[in-house]
C-alpha atoms as a PDB file:
ATOM      1  CA  MET A   1      -6.517 -26.540  15.830  1.00  0.00           C
ATOM      2  CA  THR A   2      -3.983 -23.867  16.889  1.00  0.00           C
ATOM      3  CA  MET A   3      -6.151 -22.999  20.012  1.00  0.00           C
ATOM      4  CA  VAL A   4      -6.474 -26.771  20.928  1.00  0.00           C
ATOM      5  CA  ARG A   5      -2.567 -27.455  20.724  1.00  0.00           C
ATOM      6  CA  SER A   6      -1.908 -24.275  22.752  1.00  0.00           C
ATOM      7  CA  TRP A   7      -4.282 -25.165  25.408  1.00  0.00           C
ATOM      8  CA  SER A   8      -3.076 -28.792  25.651  1.00  0.00           C
ATOM      9  CA  ARG A   9       0.625 -27.356  26.184  1.00  0.00           C
ATOM     10  CA  MET A  10      -0.774 -25.048  28.931  1.00  0.00           C
ATOM     11  CA  GLN A  11      -2.683 -28.032  30.646  1.00  0.00           C
ATOM     12  CA  ARG A  12       0.427 -30.082  30.753  1.00  0.00           C
ATOM     13  CA  VAL A  13       2.525 -27.199  32.321  1.00  0.00           C
ATOM     14  CA  GLN A  14      -0.155 -26.692  34.843  1.00  0.00           C
ATOM     15  CA  GLU A  15      -0.340 -30.345  35.796  1.00  0.00           C
ATOM     16  CA  LYS A  16       3.559 -30.352  36.332  1.00  0.00           C
ATOM     17  CA  GLN A  17       3.063 -27.406  38.534  1.00  0.00           C
ATOM     18  CA  ASN A  18       0.296 -29.073  40.529  1.00  0.00           C
ATOM     19  CA  LEU A  19       2.365 -32.234  40.971  1.00  0.00           C
ATOM     20  CA  LYS A  20       5.208 -30.055  42.500  1.00  0.00           C
ATOM     21  CA  LYS A  21       3.035 -28.400  44.887  1.00  0.00           C
ATOM     22  CA  ILE A  22       1.579 -31.757  46.041  1.00  0.00           C
ATOM     23  CA  LEU A  23       5.008 -33.313  46.664  1.00  0.00           C
ATOM     24  CA  LEU A  24       6.096 -30.042  48.515  1.00  0.00           C
ATOM     25  CA  LEU A  25       2.927 -30.477  50.720  1.00  0.00           C
ATOM     26  CA  GLY A  26       3.676 -33.992  51.338  1.00  0.00           C
ATOM     27  CA  LEU A  27       7.303 -33.319  52.402  1.00  0.00           C
ATOM     28  CA  THR A  28       6.154 -30.447  54.636  1.00  0.00           C
ATOM     29  CA  ILE A  29       3.702 -32.595  56.501  1.00  0.00           C
ATOM     30  CA  VAL A  30       6.428 -35.301  56.993  1.00  0.00           C
ATOM     31  CA  VAL A  31       8.757 -32.622  58.477  1.00  0.00           C
ATOM     32  CA  ILE A  32       6.003 -31.247  60.803  1.00  0.00           C
ATOM     33  CA  LEU A  33       5.296 -34.657  62.200  1.00  0.00           C
ATOM     34  CA  ALA A  34       8.984 -35.435  62.773  1.00  0.00           C
ATOM     35  CA  ALA A  35       9.373 -32.107  64.476  1.00  0.00           C
ATOM     36  CA  MET A  36       6.221 -32.722  66.793  1.00  0.00           C
ATOM     37  CA  VAL A  37       7.782 -35.898  68.014  1.00  0.00           C
ATOM     38  CA  SER A  38      11.320 -34.598  68.696  1.00  0.00           C
ATOM     39  CA  LEU A  39      10.909 -30.930  69.376  1.00  0.00           C
ATOM     40  CA  GLY A  40       7.619 -30.741  71.409  1.00  0.00           C
ATOM     41  CA  PHE A  41       4.688 -28.108  70.864  1.00  0.00           C
ATOM     42  CA  THR A  42       6.528 -24.879  71.769  1.00  0.00           C
ATOM     43  CA  ALA A  43       9.644 -25.383  69.429  1.00  0.00           C
ATOM     44  CA  LEU A  44       7.114 -26.527  66.846  1.00  0.00           C
ATOM     45  CA  ALA A  45       5.199 -23.355  67.159  1.00  0.00           C
ATOM     46  CA  LYS A  46       8.314 -21.194  66.725  1.00  0.00           C
ATOM     47  CA  MET A  47       9.107 -23.208  63.596  1.00  0.00           C
ATOM     48  CA  PHE A  48       5.796 -22.362  62.219  1.00  0.00           C
ATOM     49  CA  VAL A  49       6.545 -18.712  62.596  1.00  0.00           C
ATOM     50  CA  VAL A  50       9.826 -19.012  60.824  1.00  0.00           C
ATOM     51  CA  TRP A  51       8.201 -21.198  58.037  1.00  0.00           C
ATOM     52  CA  GLY A  52       5.500 -18.538  57.597  1.00  0.00           C
ATOM     53  CA  ASP A  53       8.291 -15.817  57.247  1.00  0.00           C
ATOM     54  CA  VAL A  54      10.113 -17.835  54.580  1.00  0.00           C
ATOM     55  CA  THR A  55       6.818 -18.551  52.601  1.00  0.00           C
ATOM     56  CA  SER A  56       5.954 -14.917  52.674  1.00  0.00           C
ATOM     57  CA  SER A  57       9.355 -13.777  51.338  1.00  0.00           C
ATOM     58  CA  PHE A  58       8.843 -16.436  48.490  1.00  0.00           C
ATOM     59  CA  ARG A  59       5.448 -15.057  47.678  1.00  0.00           C
ATOM     60  CA  SER A  60       6.705 -11.385  47.465  1.00  0.00           C
ATOM     61  CA  VAL A  61       9.493 -12.411  45.288  1.00  0.00           C
ATOM     62  CA  GLU A  62       6.970 -14.320  42.974  1.00  0.00           C
ATOM     63  CA  LYS A  63       4.979 -11.145  42.741  1.00  0.00           C
ATOM     64  CA  THR A  64       7.779  -8.842  41.786  1.00  0.00           C
ATOM     65  CA  ASP A  65       6.926  -9.385  37.961  1.00  0.00           C
ATOM     66  CA  ASN A  66       4.913  -6.192  37.415  1.00  0.00           C
ATOM     67  CA  ILE A  67       6.308  -5.544  33.825  1.00  0.00           C
ATOM     68  CA  PRO A  68       3.376  -5.656  31.225  1.00  0.00           C
ATOM     69  CA  PRO A  69       3.868  -7.504  27.958  1.00  0.00           C
ATOM     70  CA  SER A  70       4.256  -5.747  24.759  1.00  0.00           C
ATOM     71  CA  PRO A  71       1.193  -5.006  22.808  1.00  0.00           C
ATOM     72  CA  PRO A  72       0.017  -7.643  20.316  1.00  0.00           C
ATOM     73  CA  ARG A  73       0.533  -7.398  16.657  1.00  0.00           C
ATOM     74  CA  LEU A  74      -2.368  -8.000  14.408  1.00  0.00           C
ATOM     75  CA  ASN A  75      -1.703  -9.016  10.782  1.00  0.00           C
ATOM     76  CA  SER A  76      -3.963  -9.111   7.765  1.00  0.00           C
ATOM     77  CA  ASP A  77      -3.318  -9.224   4.002  1.00  0.00           C
ATOM     78  CA  PHE A  78      -6.376  -7.360   3.123  1.00  0.00           C
ATOM     79  CA  ASP A  79      -8.423  -4.479   4.332  1.00  0.00           C
ATOM     80  CA  ALA A  80     -11.780  -5.319   2.633  1.00  0.00           C
ATOM     81  CA  THR A  81     -13.542  -8.715   2.114  1.00  0.00           C
ATOM     82  CA  ASN A  82     -16.938  -9.983   0.900  1.00  0.00           C
ATOM     83  CA  SER A  83     -16.758 -12.916   3.468  1.00  0.00           C
ATOM     84  CA  ALA A  84     -18.692 -12.713   6.677  1.00  0.00           C
ATOM     85  CA  THR A  85     -15.784 -14.686   8.464  1.00  0.00           C
ATOM     86  CA  ILE A  86     -12.079 -14.168   8.435  1.00  0.00           C
ATOM     87  CA  SER A  87      -9.010 -15.306  10.160  1.00  0.00           C
ATOM     88  CA  LEU A  88      -6.769 -13.004  11.986  1.00  0.00           C
ATOM     89  CA  ALA A  89      -3.149 -13.761  12.806  1.00  0.00           C
ATOM     90  CA  GLY A  90      -0.669 -11.947  15.052  1.00  0.00           C
ATOM     91  CA  PHE A  91       2.341 -12.059  17.453  1.00  0.00           C
ATOM     92  CA  ALA A  92       2.335 -11.659  21.277  1.00  0.00           C
ATOM     93  CA  GLU A  93       4.281 -12.815  24.198  1.00  0.00           C
ATOM     94  CA  PRO A  94       4.366 -16.546  24.481  1.00  0.00           C
ATOM     95  CA  GLY A  95       2.381 -18.009  27.510  1.00  0.00           C
ATOM     96  CA  SER A  96       0.189 -14.883  27.526  1.00  0.00           C
ATOM     97  CA  SER A  97      -3.627 -14.521  26.819  1.00  0.00           C
ATOM     98  CA  VAL A  98      -4.532 -12.395  23.760  1.00  0.00           C
ATOM     99  CA  TYR A  99      -8.103 -10.814  23.786  1.00  0.00           C
ATOM    100  CA  LEU A 100      -9.420  -9.511  20.449  1.00  0.00           C
ATOM    101  CA  GLN A 101     -11.962  -6.647  20.435  1.00  0.00           C
ATOM    102  CA  ARG A 102     -14.287  -5.786  17.474  1.00  0.00           C
ATOM    103  CA  ASN A 103     -16.067  -2.539  17.386  1.00  0.00           C
ATOM    104  CA  GLN A 104     -15.729  -2.146  21.194  1.00  0.00           C
ATOM    105  CA  GLU A 105     -17.030  -5.766  21.718  1.00  0.00           C
ATOM    106  CA  THR A 106     -14.744  -8.318  23.277  1.00  0.00           C
ATOM    107  CA  ALA A 107     -15.232 -11.305  20.715  1.00  0.00           C
ATOM    108  CA  LEU A 108     -12.476 -13.896  21.366  1.00  0.00           C
ATOM    109  CA  GLN A 109      -9.689 -14.851  23.666  1.00  0.00           C
ATOM    110  CA  ILE A 110      -6.650 -17.160  22.831  1.00  0.00           C
ATOM    111  CA  MET A 111      -3.479 -18.531  24.553  1.00  0.00           C
ATOM    112  CA  VAL A 112      -0.265 -17.795  22.785  1.00  0.00           C
ATOM    113  CA  PRO A 113       2.020 -20.754  22.099  1.00  0.00           C
ATOM    114  CA  GLU A 114       5.780 -20.979  22.594  1.00  0.00           C
ATOM    115  CA  ASN A 115       6.721 -19.403  19.268  1.00  0.00           C
ATOM    116  CA  GLY A 116       4.522 -16.332  19.970  1.00  0.00           C
ATOM    117  CA  ASN A 117       2.339 -16.694  16.890  1.00  0.00           C
ATOM    118  CA  PHE A 118      -1.380 -16.912  17.326  1.00  0.00           C
ATOM    119  CA  LEU A 119      -4.405 -17.184  15.007  1.00  0.00           C
ATOM    120  CA  PHE A 120      -8.125 -16.457  15.617  1.00  0.00           C
ATOM    121  CA  ASP A 121     -10.124 -18.616  13.328  1.00  0.00           C
ATOM    122  CA  GLU A 122     -13.719 -17.808  12.117  1.00  0.00           C
ATOM    123  CA  VAL A 123     -13.845 -14.180  13.235  1.00  0.00           C
ATOM    124  CA  ASN A 124     -17.334 -12.966  12.459  1.00  0.00           C
ATOM    125  CA  LEU A 125     -17.715  -9.413  10.717  1.00  0.00           C
ATOM    126  CA  THR A 126     -20.545  -7.036  10.570  1.00  0.00           C
ATOM    127  CA  LEU A 127     -21.524  -5.199   7.404  1.00  0.00           C
ATOM    128  CA  GLY A 128     -19.496  -2.058   6.990  1.00  0.00           C
ATOM    129  CA  LYS A 129     -16.219  -1.206   8.980  1.00  0.00           C
ATOM    130  CA  ASN A 130     -14.773  -3.641  11.483  1.00  0.00           C
ATOM    131  CA  ARG A 131     -12.307  -2.093  13.750  1.00  0.00           C
ATOM    132  CA  PHE A 132     -10.103  -4.446  15.759  1.00  0.00           C
ATOM    133  CA  LYS A 133      -7.655  -4.125  18.430  1.00  0.00           C
ATOM    134  CA  ALA A 134      -6.066  -6.625  20.964  1.00  0.00           C
ATOM    135  CA  TRP A 135      -4.238  -6.734  24.252  1.00  0.00           C
ATOM    136  CA  ALA A 136      -2.256  -9.300  26.140  1.00  0.00           C
ATOM    137  CA  VAL A 137      -2.393 -10.407  29.761  1.00  0.00           C
ATOM    138  CA  ASP A 138       0.775 -12.416  31.099  1.00  0.00           C
ATOM    139  CA  LEU A 139       0.811 -15.046  33.911  1.00  0.00           C
ATOM    140  CA  SER A 140       1.196 -12.513  36.489  1.00  0.00           C
ATOM    141  CA  ASP A 141      -1.883 -10.509  35.426  1.00  0.00           C
ATOM    142  CA  ASN A 142      -0.081  -7.821  33.874  1.00  0.00           C
ATOM    143  CA  LYS A 143      -2.055  -6.297  31.080  1.00  0.00           C
ATOM    144  CA  SER A 144      -0.332  -4.780  27.941  1.00  0.00           C
ATOM    145  CA  GLN A 145      -1.288  -1.569  25.998  1.00  0.00           C
ATOM    146  CA  ASP A 146      -3.741  -2.032  23.084  1.00  0.00           C
ATOM    147  CA  SER A 147      -2.448  -2.960  19.721  1.00  0.00           C
ATOM    148  CA  GLU A 148      -2.642  -0.733  16.681  1.00  0.00           C
ATOM    149  CA  GLU A 149      -6.203  -0.633  15.485  1.00  0.00           C
ATOM    150  CA  LEU A 150      -6.798  -2.808  12.290  1.00  0.00           C
ATOM    151  CA  GLU A 151      -9.791  -1.857  10.088  1.00  0.00           C
ATOM    152  CA  ILE A 152     -11.317  -4.328   7.593  1.00  0.00           C
ATOM    153  CA  LEU A 153     -14.377  -3.512   5.498  1.00  0.00           C
ATOM    154  CA  PHE A 154     -17.002  -6.056   4.953  1.00  0.00           C
ATOM    155  CA  ALA A 155     -19.325  -5.701   1.909  1.00  0.00           C
ATOM    156  CA  ASN A 156     -21.190  -8.433   0.132  1.00  0.00           C
ATOM    157  CA  ALA A 157     -23.301  -6.421  -2.463  1.00  0.00           C
ATOM    158  CA  PRO A 158     -21.840  -5.572  -5.935  1.00  0.00           C
ATOM    159  CA  PRO A 159     -21.398  -2.018  -6.932  1.00  0.00           C
ATOM    160  CA  ASP A 160     -24.069  -0.062  -9.000  1.00  0.00           C
ATOM    161  CA  LEU A 161     -23.399  -0.224 -12.850  1.00  0.00           C
ATOM    162  CA  ASP A 162     -25.278   1.790 -15.296  1.00  0.00           C
ATOM    163  CA  ILE A 163     -24.364   2.199 -18.975  1.00  0.00           C
ATOM    164  CA  THR A 164     -25.725   5.411 -20.242  1.00  0.00           C
ATOM    165  CA  SER A 165     -24.197   5.258 -23.773  1.00  0.00           C
ATOM    166  CA  PRO A 166     -24.656   3.580 -26.275  1.00  0.00           C
ATOM    167  CA  LYS A 167     -28.005   1.925 -26.025  1.00  0.00           C
ATOM    168  CA  GLU A 168     -28.315  -1.831 -26.622  1.00  0.00           C
ATOM    169  CA  GLY A 169     -28.301  -2.783 -30.155  1.00  0.00           C
ATOM    170  CA  GLN A 170     -27.336   0.659 -31.313  1.00  0.00           C
ATOM    171  CA  ILE A 171     -26.438   0.816 -35.001  1.00  0.00           C
ATOM    172  CA  VAL A 172     -23.325   2.980 -35.880  1.00  0.00           C
ATOM    173  CA  THR A 173     -22.465   4.285 -39.230  1.00  0.00           C
ATOM    174  CA  GLY A 174     -19.880   6.343 -40.931  1.00  0.00           C
ATOM    175  CA  SER A 175     -16.240   6.054 -41.598  1.00  0.00           C
ATOM    176  CA  GLU A 176     -15.028   6.295 -38.076  1.00  0.00           C
ATOM    177  CA  ALA A 177     -15.014   2.871 -36.586  1.00  0.00           C
ATOM    178  CA  LYS A 178     -15.044   3.993 -32.977  1.00  0.00           C
ATOM    179  CA  ILE A 179     -17.559   4.265 -29.875  1.00  0.00           C
ATOM    180  CA  GLU A 180     -17.396   5.665 -26.520  1.00  0.00           C
ATOM    181  CA  ILE A 181     -18.752   3.491 -23.804  1.00  0.00           C
ATOM    182  CA  LYS A 182     -20.079   5.783 -20.906  1.00  0.00           C
ATOM    183  CA  GLY A 183     -21.614   4.898 -17.729  1.00  0.00           C
ATOM    184  CA  LYS A 184     -21.686   5.423 -13.802  1.00  0.00           C
ATOM    185  CA  THR A 185     -20.735   3.173 -10.931  1.00  0.00           C
ATOM    186  CA  ASP A 186     -19.587   3.681  -7.344  1.00  0.00           C
ATOM    187  CA  PRO A 187     -16.661   6.143  -6.943  1.00  0.00           C
ATOM    188  CA  GLU A 188     -14.332   3.657  -5.470  1.00  0.00           C
ATOM    189  CA  ALA A 189     -15.183   0.767  -8.028  1.00  0.00           C
ATOM    190  CA  LYS A 190     -12.846  -0.358 -10.737  1.00  0.00           C
ATOM    191  CA  VAL A 191     -14.344  -0.598 -14.371  1.00  0.00           C
ATOM    192  CA  THR A 192     -13.173  -2.553 -17.428  1.00  0.00           C
ATOM    193  CA  VAL A 193     -14.648  -2.839 -20.774  1.00  0.00           C
ATOM    194  CA  ASN A 194     -13.399  -5.868 -22.610  1.00  0.00           C
ATOM    195  CA  GLU A 195     -10.679  -6.046 -20.021  1.00  0.00           C
ATOM    196  CA  ARG A 196      -9.414  -2.506 -20.763  1.00  0.00           C
ATOM    197  CA  VAL A 197      -9.446  -0.370 -17.736  1.00  0.00           C
ATOM    198  CA  ALA A 198     -11.899   2.786 -17.704  1.00  0.00           C
ATOM    199  CA  ILE A 199     -10.994   5.796 -15.477  1.00  0.00           C
ATOM    200  CA  VAL A 200     -13.649   6.292 -12.848  1.00  0.00           C
ATOM    201  CA  SER A 201     -14.201   9.890 -11.641  1.00  0.00           C
ATOM    202  CA  MET A 202     -14.788  10.904  -8.098  1.00  0.00           C
ATOM    203  CA  ASN A 203     -18.580  11.013  -8.818  1.00  0.00           C
ATOM    204  CA  GLY A 204     -18.571   7.578 -10.221  1.00  0.00           C
ATOM    205  CA  THR A 205     -18.844   8.436 -14.130  1.00  0.00           C
ATOM    206  CA  PHE A 206     -16.591   6.644 -16.502  1.00  0.00           C
ATOM    207  CA  ALA A 207     -15.921   6.736 -20.162  1.00  0.00           C
ATOM    208  CA  LEU A 208     -13.696   4.641 -22.644  1.00  0.00           C
ATOM    209  CA  LYS A 209     -13.407   4.770 -26.430  1.00  0.00           C
ATOM    210  CA  LEU A 210     -12.961   1.675 -28.315  1.00  0.00           C
ATOM    211  CA  GLY A 211     -12.675   0.564 -31.960  1.00  0.00           C
ATOM    212  CA  LEU A 212     -15.524  -1.185 -33.956  1.00  0.00           C
ATOM    213  CA  THR A 213     -15.347  -3.913 -36.601  1.00  0.00           C
ATOM    214  CA  SER A 214     -17.951  -4.337 -39.249  1.00  0.00           C
ATOM    215  CA  GLY A 215     -21.170  -6.218 -37.983  1.00  0.00           C
ATOM    216  CA  ASP A 216     -21.774  -7.128 -34.325  1.00  0.00           C
ATOM    217  CA  ASN A 217     -19.579  -5.854 -31.580  1.00  0.00           C
ATOM    218  CA  THR A 218     -20.090  -7.001 -28.005  1.00  0.00           C
ATOM    219  CA  PHE A 219     -18.773  -5.163 -25.052  1.00  0.00           C
ATOM    220  CA  VAL A 220     -18.440  -6.731 -21.629  1.00  0.00           C
ATOM    221  CA  VAL A 221     -18.575  -4.040 -18.908  1.00  0.00           C
ATOM    222  CA  THR A 222     -17.459  -5.058 -15.483  1.00  0.00           C
ATOM    223  CA  ALA A 223     -17.503  -3.203 -12.223  1.00  0.00           C
ATOM    224  CA  SER A 224     -15.717  -4.357  -9.013  1.00  0.00           C
ATOM    225  CA  ASP A 225     -15.037  -3.085  -5.587  1.00  0.00           C
ATOM    226  CA  ARG A 226     -12.125  -3.576  -3.169  1.00  0.00           C
ATOM    227  CA  ALA A 227     -14.092  -6.221  -1.233  1.00  0.00           C
ATOM    228  CA  GLY A 228     -14.096  -8.437  -4.310  1.00  0.00           C
ATOM    229  CA  ASN A 229     -17.756  -7.982  -5.350  1.00  0.00           C
ATOM    230  CA  THR A 230     -18.248  -7.847  -9.095  1.00  0.00           C
ATOM    231  CA  ILE A 231     -21.207  -7.087 -11.583  1.00  0.00           C
ATOM    232  CA  LYS A 232     -21.064  -7.566 -15.212  1.00  0.00           C
ATOM    233  CA  LYS A 233     -23.250  -6.088 -18.246  1.00  0.00           C
ATOM    234  CA  GLU A 234     -22.980  -6.907 -21.963  1.00  0.00           C
ATOM    235  CA  LEU A 235     -23.723  -4.380 -24.549  1.00  0.00           C
ATOM    236  CA  LEU A 236     -24.314  -5.073 -28.301  1.00  0.00           C
ATOM    237  CA  VAL A 237     -23.276  -2.394 -30.994  1.00  0.00           C
ATOM    238  CA  VAL A 238     -23.615  -2.866 -34.729  1.00  0.00           C
ATOM    239  CA  TYR A 239     -21.368  -1.062 -37.007  1.00  0.00           C
ATOM    240  CA  LYS A 240     -22.234  -0.372 -40.719  1.00  0.00           C
ATOM    241  CA  PRO A 241     -19.443   1.391 -42.502  1.00  0.00           C
END
């Protein structure tokens, strides 16, 4: 919707500019015809030379804008996701065109509205790391430098989770009503056991000691990665004091 509103605004501006050009052309034709009647061909030829000099000077003035716009800024509230499409917002010079590149491939282009805020909707991601950068091109075809690179990880598979100790249905006896839950997951995953956080080592192993009550004890072990993928496993331990 933002792209449609921005494009409509640019169309209205372009239509106004075209209307001005048509009016100017009509006025020029009227002046030329009047000059042909009153001055004759020789004087008219001289007038054309003067008119060419004037229009050339105007064109040279119009082309003096050679200052490139500032690099766009890309904004994201996250650096990892389990969604295959995202929206990317940013800020750039109003009226310029912003080009978005993902992993060295130019994916999208958008016109920047008057407030300078732009939004790319439904940007497709590839599995793994997605590196984005953008640049702006103003109305005089001046190109900005590239924006700072933005990296977003796309992962849609849950982390590994293996509970190594205790075994399912294991019976614990004795006076010490405690048990240590041990397992292994991905090194960057977060693990909780009955909503208590277990420390994950650099090689992915974890261990957490919890209390037991007489009878059945159910433990819910959860592993989640930074993209939001989650896996859960339940473990039953029976305690007989």
